[in-house]
Amino acid sequence: MHKNLIPGSLQRLIAGLVLVALAQTAAAAYPDKTVRIIVPYSGGAADTMARVIASKFSEIFKQNFIVESKTGANGIIGVDTVVKAPADGLTLLYEASTSTFTPYLYKQVPYDLMKDVQPIGQLISYPYVIVVNPSVPARNFAELVKYLRDNGNRTNVASGSASLRVLGELFKQIVGVDYTFIPYKGGGPATISVMAGETQMAFQDLPTVAPLVAGGRLRAIAVTGDKRSRILPDVPTAKETGLAADFVVTSWHGLFAPANTPADIVNRLNSELNKVIAMPDVAARISSMGADPAPGTANEFATSFRSQLMRWKEVTTRAQIPLSD
């Protein structure tokens, strides 16, 4: 009988090194098939940027990355497609900050974003803008707050999406005002209603309203980022007014994988994603949207993402927004 001449501690070390080597080999071989990037919305900035990333990744990884639209239920169908996919890095999710609002606006959501997705990295961020019809007698944040307090729920606020409704609820809670939400099917109709005077105010994405503000068709009162926008440099942040220090919210785009996707694959995708958004042609496209690149690690994005989920859960619970079926 042969005795095992290798001590147990050394055996464990060797086994660990073998596992690491196997994981590194798998990551190096990734991807060995076409990768799908699921976009839960049709058209718009998310679809455009997802296609930019897919094209760059196809070149970098020497494998096809394709974009598939899986729309419906305010993004739920697309997210659910990715959540149910194998955790092999071959199905990814290109998602926007809307995803952090959605779980708290429906009676039934078939996943738990806290544990069912793996954040890979954030691509871009940009603030929302508080805009009013030019006839509203408010030219700055303090005057807007006074106007809202004087008029109460007689002020109509256009809401083009559930997420912007939640943003408006946060504003109510922080500033201590009231108004009436008027729902519209999309940001376009909501913005048009403010310009036409059907509603007096809206919270809207910066890329949507920046040209209208520049053209005088809307008045921008404040942006919701932690710094002024280079696109609207004369518009203050809500934070700097001193009346809404906690009203700091940005819209973002990010890349996700199913939970339990191997860390080596996640980290490689994150590394390449950061390189892509720094490329001059991609950076120029991001700038043209009025957005800023948002590089960082997967862990940093995961921490921010989960913090936002908790924040919006608290806001929606306090606001008692009726849940959709």
Protein backbone atom coordinates (compact mmCIF):
# COMPACT_ATOMS: atom_id res chain seq x y z
CA MET A 1 0.00 0.00 0.00
CA HIS A 2 1.31 3.40 -0.96
CA LYS A 3 1.15 6.08 1.68
CA ASN A 4 0.05 9.58 0.78
CA LEU A 5 3.30 11.50 1.11
CA ILE A 6 1.68 14.93 0.60
CA PRO A 7 0.54 16.62 3.84
CA GLY A 8 -3.15 17.52 4.08
CA SER A 9 -2.50 21.27 4.19
CA LEU A 10 -0.48 21.05 0.98
CA GLN A 11 -3.21 18.99 -0.67
CA ARG A 12 -5.75 21.69 0.16
CA LEU A 13 -3.47 24.38 -1.21
CA ILE A 14 -2.98 22.47 -4.46
CA ALA A 15 -6.73 21.88 -4.80
CA GLY A 16 -7.38 25.59 -4.27
CA LEU A 17 -4.82 26.55 -6.91
CA VAL A 18 -6.38 24.12 -9.36
CA LEU A 19 -9.82 25.66 -8.82
CA VAL A 20 -8.44 29.16 -9.34
CA ALA A 21 -6.70 28.05 -12.51
CA LEU A 22 -9.88 26.47 -13.83
CA ALA A 23 -11.88 29.64 -13.08
CA GLN A 24 -9.28 31.79 -14.81
CA THR A 25 -9.32 29.48 -17.82
CA ALA A 26 -13.12 29.72 -18.01
CA ALA A 27 -12.98 33.51 -17.81
CA ALA A 28 -10.27 33.67 -20.47
CA ALA A 29 -12.40 31.53 -22.79
CA TYR A 30 -15.47 33.71 -22.20
CA PRO A 31 -17.58 34.09 -24.19
CA ASP A 32 -17.64 30.91 -26.27
CA LYS A 33 -21.08 31.70 -27.72
CA THR A 34 -23.14 34.70 -28.81
CA VAL A 35 -24.03 36.99 -25.89
CA ARG A 36 -27.49 38.55 -25.67
CA ILE A 37 -27.92 41.99 -24.13
CA ILE A 38 -31.56 42.36 -23.13
CA VAL A 39 -33.04 45.86 -23.19
CA PRO A 40 -36.43 46.06 -21.43
CA TYR A 41 -37.56 49.18 -23.31
CA SER A 42 -38.14 49.94 -26.99
CA GLY A 43 -36.08 52.67 -28.62
CA GLY A 44 -34.66 55.63 -26.72
CA ALA A 45 -31.28 56.26 -25.14
CA ALA A 46 -31.04 52.85 -23.44
CA ASP A 47 -31.48 50.97 -26.72
CA THR A 48 -29.01 53.25 -28.48
CA MET A 49 -26.30 52.89 -25.86
CA ALA A 50 -26.84 49.14 -25.54
CA ARG A 51 -26.09 48.81 -29.26
CA VAL A 52 -22.96 50.89 -28.88
CA ILE A 53 -21.75 48.59 -26.09
CA ALA A 54 -22.69 45.45 -28.04
CA SER A 55 -20.70 46.63 -31.05
CA LYS A 56 -17.61 47.45 -28.98
CA PHE A 57 -17.80 44.21 -26.98
CA SER A 58 -18.10 42.20 -30.21
CA GLU A 59 -14.77 43.69 -31.31
CA ILE A 60 -13.07 43.26 -27.92
CA PHE A 61 -14.22 39.73 -27.13
CA LYS A 62 -14.10 38.45 -30.74
CA GLN A 63 -17.62 37.09 -30.30
CA ASN A 64 -21.06 38.35 -31.23
CA PHE A 65 -22.90 40.53 -28.71
CA ILE A 66 -26.46 41.20 -29.87
CA VAL A 67 -29.21 43.43 -28.48
CA GLU A 68 -32.70 42.03 -27.94
CA SER A 69 -35.70 44.13 -26.90
CA LYS A 70 -37.95 42.44 -24.34
CA THR A 71 -40.49 45.12 -23.57
CA GLY A 72 -43.60 45.31 -21.44
CA ALA A 73 -44.83 45.94 -17.89
CA ASN A 74 -42.51 48.91 -17.34
CA GLY A 75 -39.44 46.77 -17.90
CA ILE A 76 -40.46 43.78 -15.79
CA ILE A 77 -40.60 41.32 -18.70
CA GLY A 78 -37.08 42.12 -19.84
CA VAL A 79 -35.60 41.91 -16.35
CA ASP A 80 -37.39 38.62 -15.70
CA THR A 81 -35.89 37.18 -18.90
CA VAL A 82 -32.39 37.83 -17.57
CA VAL A 83 -33.13 36.70 -14.03
CA LYS A 84 -34.28 33.31 -15.34
CA ALA A 85 -31.31 32.87 -17.69
CA PRO A 86 -28.30 30.66 -16.81
CA ALA A 87 -25.62 32.49 -14.82
CA ASP A 88 -22.97 32.00 -17.49
CA GLY A 89 -22.53 35.55 -18.75
CA LEU A 90 -24.27 34.81 -22.03
CA THR A 91 -27.39 36.80 -21.14
CA LEU A 92 -26.90 40.33 -19.87
CA LEU A 93 -29.28 43.14 -18.97
CA TYR A 94 -28.91 46.76 -20.07
CA GLU A 95 -31.06 48.63 -17.58
CA ALA A 96 -31.78 52.18 -16.51
CA SER A 97 -32.51 53.62 -13.08
CA THR A 98 -36.21 52.99 -13.73
CA SER A 99 -35.56 49.46 -12.50
CA THR A 100 -35.06 50.67 -8.93
CA PHE A 101 -38.58 52.14 -8.84
CA THR A 102 -40.53 49.36 -10.53
CA PRO A 103 -40.57 46.69 -7.78
CA TYR A 104 -42.55 49.00 -5.50
CA LEU A 105 -45.19 50.03 -8.02
CA TYR A 106 -46.68 46.63 -8.87
CA LYS A 107 -48.60 44.13 -6.78
CA GLN A 108 -46.57 41.23 -8.10
CA VAL A 109 -43.02 41.31 -9.42
CA PRO A 110 -41.51 37.88 -10.25
CA TYR A 111 -38.03 38.64 -8.97
CA ASP A 112 -36.12 40.30 -6.14
CA LEU A 113 -33.54 42.76 -7.45
CA MET A 114 -31.70 42.67 -4.14
CA LYS A 115 -30.60 39.09 -4.80
CA ASP A 116 -31.56 38.03 -8.34
CA VAL A 117 -29.20 40.21 -10.41
CA GLN A 118 -25.47 40.84 -10.36
CA PRO A 119 -24.50 44.45 -11.12
CA ILE A 120 -21.57 44.62 -13.55
CA GLY A 121 -21.01 48.33 -14.01
CA GLN A 122 -22.58 51.73 -14.52
CA LEU A 123 -22.11 53.47 -17.85
CA ILE A 124 -23.58 56.95 -17.62
CA SER A 125 -25.49 59.28 -15.34
CA TYR A 126 -27.38 62.53 -15.75
CA PRO A 127 -29.71 64.55 -13.54
CA TYR A 128 -33.41 65.10 -13.79
CA VAL A 129 -34.68 68.64 -14.29
CA ILE A 130 -37.59 70.42 -12.60
CA VAL A 131 -39.29 72.38 -15.38
CA VAL A 132 -42.31 74.67 -15.44
CA ASN A 133 -44.41 76.38 -18.08
CA PRO A 134 -42.95 79.89 -18.66
CA SER A 135 -46.24 81.42 -17.44
CA VAL A 136 -45.71 80.03 -13.93
CA PRO A 137 -44.66 82.94 -11.66
CA ALA A 138 -41.55 81.18 -10.38
CA ARG A 139 -38.06 81.86 -11.68
CA ASN A 140 -36.07 80.12 -8.99
CA PHE A 141 -36.39 77.31 -6.49
CA ALA A 142 -37.60 79.44 -3.58
CA GLU A 143 -40.31 81.04 -5.72
CA LEU A 144 -41.41 77.61 -6.95
CA VAL A 145 -41.76 76.31 -3.40
CA LYS A 146 -43.82 79.36 -2.47
CA TYR A 147 -45.99 78.92 -5.58
CA LEU A 148 -46.63 75.26 -4.73
CA ARG A 149 -47.45 76.02 -1.11
CA ASP A 150 -49.81 78.80 -2.12
CA ASN A 151 -51.63 76.68 -4.71
CA GLY A 152 -51.55 73.24 -3.10
CA ASN A 153 -53.11 70.45 -5.10
CA ARG A 154 -54.43 72.94 -7.65
CA THR A 155 -51.02 72.69 -9.32
CA ASN A 156 -50.96 69.94 -11.95
CA VAL A 157 -47.70 68.06 -12.41
CA ALA A 158 -47.23 66.00 -15.58
CA SER A 159 -45.97 62.47 -15.01
CA GLY A 160 -44.76 60.53 -18.03
CA SER A 161 -43.68 57.41 -16.15
CA ALA A 162 -44.08 55.64 -12.85
CA SER A 163 -40.48 56.42 -11.93
CA LEU A 164 -40.98 60.15 -12.42
CA ARG A 165 -44.09 59.93 -10.27
CA VAL A 166 -41.95 58.48 -7.49
CA LEU A 167 -39.40 61.24 -7.98
CA GLY A 168 -42.21 63.76 -7.57
CA GLU A 169 -43.32 62.04 -4.38
CA LEU A 170 -39.81 62.34 -2.96
CA PHE A 171 -39.85 66.06 -3.73
CA LYS A 172 -43.16 66.41 -1.87
CA GLN A 173 -41.76 64.63 1.16
CA ILE A 174 -38.54 66.62 1.32
CA VAL A 175 -39.90 70.09 0.59
CA GLY A 176 -43.32 69.76 2.24
CA VAL A 177 -45.58 70.72 -0.67
CA ASP A 178 -48.56 69.20 -2.44
CA TYR A 179 -49.76 68.98 -6.03
CA THR A 180 -51.81 66.74 -8.30
CA PHE A 181 -50.16 64.24 -10.64
CA ILE A 182 -51.56 64.00 -14.15
CA PRO A 183 -50.41 60.76 -15.84
CA TYR A 184 -49.29 60.66 -19.48
CA LYS A 185 -48.15 57.80 -21.68
CA GLY A 186 -44.51 58.73 -21.91
CA GLY A 187 -42.16 61.62 -21.35
CA GLY A 188 -42.95 63.21 -24.71
CA PRO A 189 -46.68 63.76 -24.08
CA ALA A 190 -45.97 64.85 -20.51
CA THR A 191 -43.48 67.45 -21.68
CA ILE A 192 -45.86 68.71 -24.37
CA SER A 193 -48.58 69.16 -21.75
CA VAL A 194 -46.33 71.47 -19.73
CA MET A 195 -45.41 73.51 -22.80
CA ALA A 196 -49.10 73.80 -23.73
CA GLY A 197 -50.08 74.89 -20.22
CA GLU A 198 -52.30 71.86 -19.59
CA THR A 199 -50.03 71.16 -16.61
CA GLN A 200 -47.73 73.59 -14.85
CA MET A 201 -44.71 71.50 -13.94
CA ALA A 202 -42.82 68.26 -14.53
CA PHE A 203 -39.79 66.29 -13.43
CA GLN A 204 -38.03 65.15 -16.59
CA ASP A 205 -34.79 63.65 -17.91
CA LEU A 206 -32.15 66.21 -18.81
CA PRO A 207 -31.68 65.00 -22.43
CA THR A 208 -35.43 65.32 -23.06
CA VAL A 209 -35.89 68.91 -21.92
CA ALA A 210 -32.50 70.60 -22.37
CA PRO A 211 -33.22 71.77 -25.96
CA LEU A 212 -36.68 73.03 -24.92
CA VAL A 213 -35.20 74.99 -22.03
CA ALA A 214 -32.59 76.48 -24.33
CA GLY A 215 -35.35 77.44 -26.76
CA GLY A 216 -37.44 79.14 -24.09
CA ARG A 217 -40.35 76.74 -24.33
CA LEU A 218 -39.80 75.51 -20.78
CA ARG A 219 -38.22 77.15 -17.73
CA ALA A 220 -35.75 75.06 -15.76
CA ILE A 221 -35.89 75.67 -12.02
CA ALA A 222 -33.29 73.19 -10.78
CA VAL A 223 -31.43 70.02 -11.65
CA THR A 224 -31.38 67.09 -9.26
CA GLY A 225 -27.71 66.10 -9.44
CA ASP A 226 -25.05 66.84 -6.85
CA LYS A 227 -23.43 69.32 -9.25
CA ARG A 228 -24.63 71.62 -12.02
CA SER A 229 -25.04 70.21 -15.49
CA ARG A 230 -22.58 71.36 -18.15
CA ILE A 231 -25.56 71.37 -20.54
CA LEU A 232 -27.52 73.81 -18.35
CA PRO A 233 -24.74 75.52 -16.37
CA ASP A 234 -26.91 78.43 -15.25
CA VAL A 235 -29.49 76.17 -13.61
CA PRO A 236 -28.71 75.49 -9.95
CA THR A 237 -28.97 72.13 -8.23
CA ALA A 238 -31.85 71.66 -5.83
CA LYS A 239 -29.22 70.89 -3.21
CA GLU A 240 -27.44 74.23 -3.50
CA THR A 241 -30.65 76.20 -2.94
CA GLY A 242 -30.55 75.14 0.70
CA LEU A 243 -34.25 74.21 0.58
CA ALA A 244 -33.85 70.59 -0.54
CA ALA A 245 -30.43 69.33 0.47
CA ASP A 246 -31.53 65.69 0.24
CA PHE A 247 -33.12 66.02 -3.19
CA VAL A 248 -30.18 64.53 -5.07
CA VAL A 249 -31.22 61.97 -7.67
CA THR A 250 -29.59 60.96 -10.93
CA SER A 251 -30.75 58.82 -13.79
CA TRP A 252 -28.28 56.17 -14.94
CA HIS A 253 -27.69 53.25 -17.28
CA GLY A 254 -25.98 50.07 -16.16
CA LEU A 255 -25.12 46.52 -17.15
CA PHE A 256 -26.22 43.47 -15.15
CA ALA A 257 -25.97 39.69 -15.23
CA PRO A 258 -28.02 36.99 -13.50
CA ALA A 259 -27.11 36.38 -9.86
CA ASN A 260 -24.25 33.91 -9.27
CA THR A 261 -22.49 34.75 -12.53
CA PRO A 262 -18.81 33.88 -11.93
CA ALA A 263 -16.87 36.77 -10.43
CA ASP A 264 -14.09 36.48 -13.04
CA ILE A 265 -16.61 37.02 -15.85
CA VAL A 266 -18.25 39.93 -14.01
CA ASN A 267 -14.90 41.59 -13.35
CA ARG A 268 -13.72 41.14 -16.92
CA LEU A 269 -16.94 42.65 -18.29
CA ASN A 270 -16.59 45.52 -15.84
CA SER A 271 -13.00 46.17 -16.87
CA GLU A 272 -13.85 46.21 -20.57
CA LEU A 273 -16.95 48.33 -19.97
CA ASN A 274 -14.86 51.01 -18.25
CA LYS A 275 -12.48 50.99 -21.21
CA VAL A 276 -15.33 51.31 -23.71
CA ILE A 277 -16.96 54.34 -22.10
CA ALA A 278 -13.54 56.05 -22.08
CA MET A 279 -13.12 55.59 -25.85
CA PRO A 280 -13.24 58.98 -27.62
CA ASP A 281 -16.12 58.10 -29.94
CA VAL A 282 -18.21 56.62 -27.12
CA ALA A 283 -17.39 59.52 -24.80
CA ALA A 284 -18.52 61.92 -27.53
CA ARG A 285 -21.82 60.08 -27.90
CA ILE A 286 -22.36 60.15 -24.13
CA SER A 287 -21.62 63.87 -24.07
CA SER A 288 -24.08 64.52 -26.90
CA MET A 289 -26.80 63.02 -24.69
CA GLY A 290 -26.02 65.50 -21.94
CA ALA A 291 -24.77 62.64 -19.79
CA ASP A 292 -21.51 61.94 -17.98
CA PRO A 293 -19.52 58.69 -18.05
CA ALA A 294 -19.73 56.79 -14.77
CA PRO A 295 -16.88 54.27 -14.54
CA GLY A 296 -16.34 52.22 -11.40
CA THR A 297 -16.08 48.72 -10.00
CA ALA A 298 -18.82 46.13 -9.94
CA ASN A 299 -18.90 46.32 -6.14
CA GLU A 300 -19.31 50.10 -6.18
CA PHE A 301 -22.21 49.84 -8.60
CA ALA A 302 -23.82 47.04 -6.57
CA THR A 303 -23.64 49.12 -3.39
CA SER A 304 -25.20 52.16 -5.08
CA PHE A 305 -27.88 50.07 -6.81
CA ARG A 306 -29.03 48.36 -3.62
CA SER A 307 -28.99 51.63 -1.71
CA GLN A 308 -31.34 53.11 -4.29
CA LEU A 309 -33.67 50.13 -4.04
CA MET A 310 -34.00 50.72 -0.31
CA ARG A 311 -34.51 54.45 -0.78
CA TRP A 312 -37.37 54.08 -3.27
CA LYS A 313 -39.04 51.40 -1.20
CA GLU A 314 -39.21 53.86 1.69
CA VAL A 315 -40.48 56.70 -0.52
CA THR A 316 -43.23 54.65 -2.19
CA THR A 317 -44.36 53.14 1.10
CA ARG A 318 -44.68 56.56 2.69
CA ALA A 319 -46.49 57.97 -0.36
CA GLN A 320 -48.96 55.07 -0.46
CA ILE A 321 -48.95 55.03 -4.25
CA PRO A 322 -51.67 52.66 -5.55
CA LEU A 323 -50.05 49.49 -6.93
CA SER A 324 -50.64 48.35 -10.49
CA ASP A 325 -51.69 44.79 -11.31
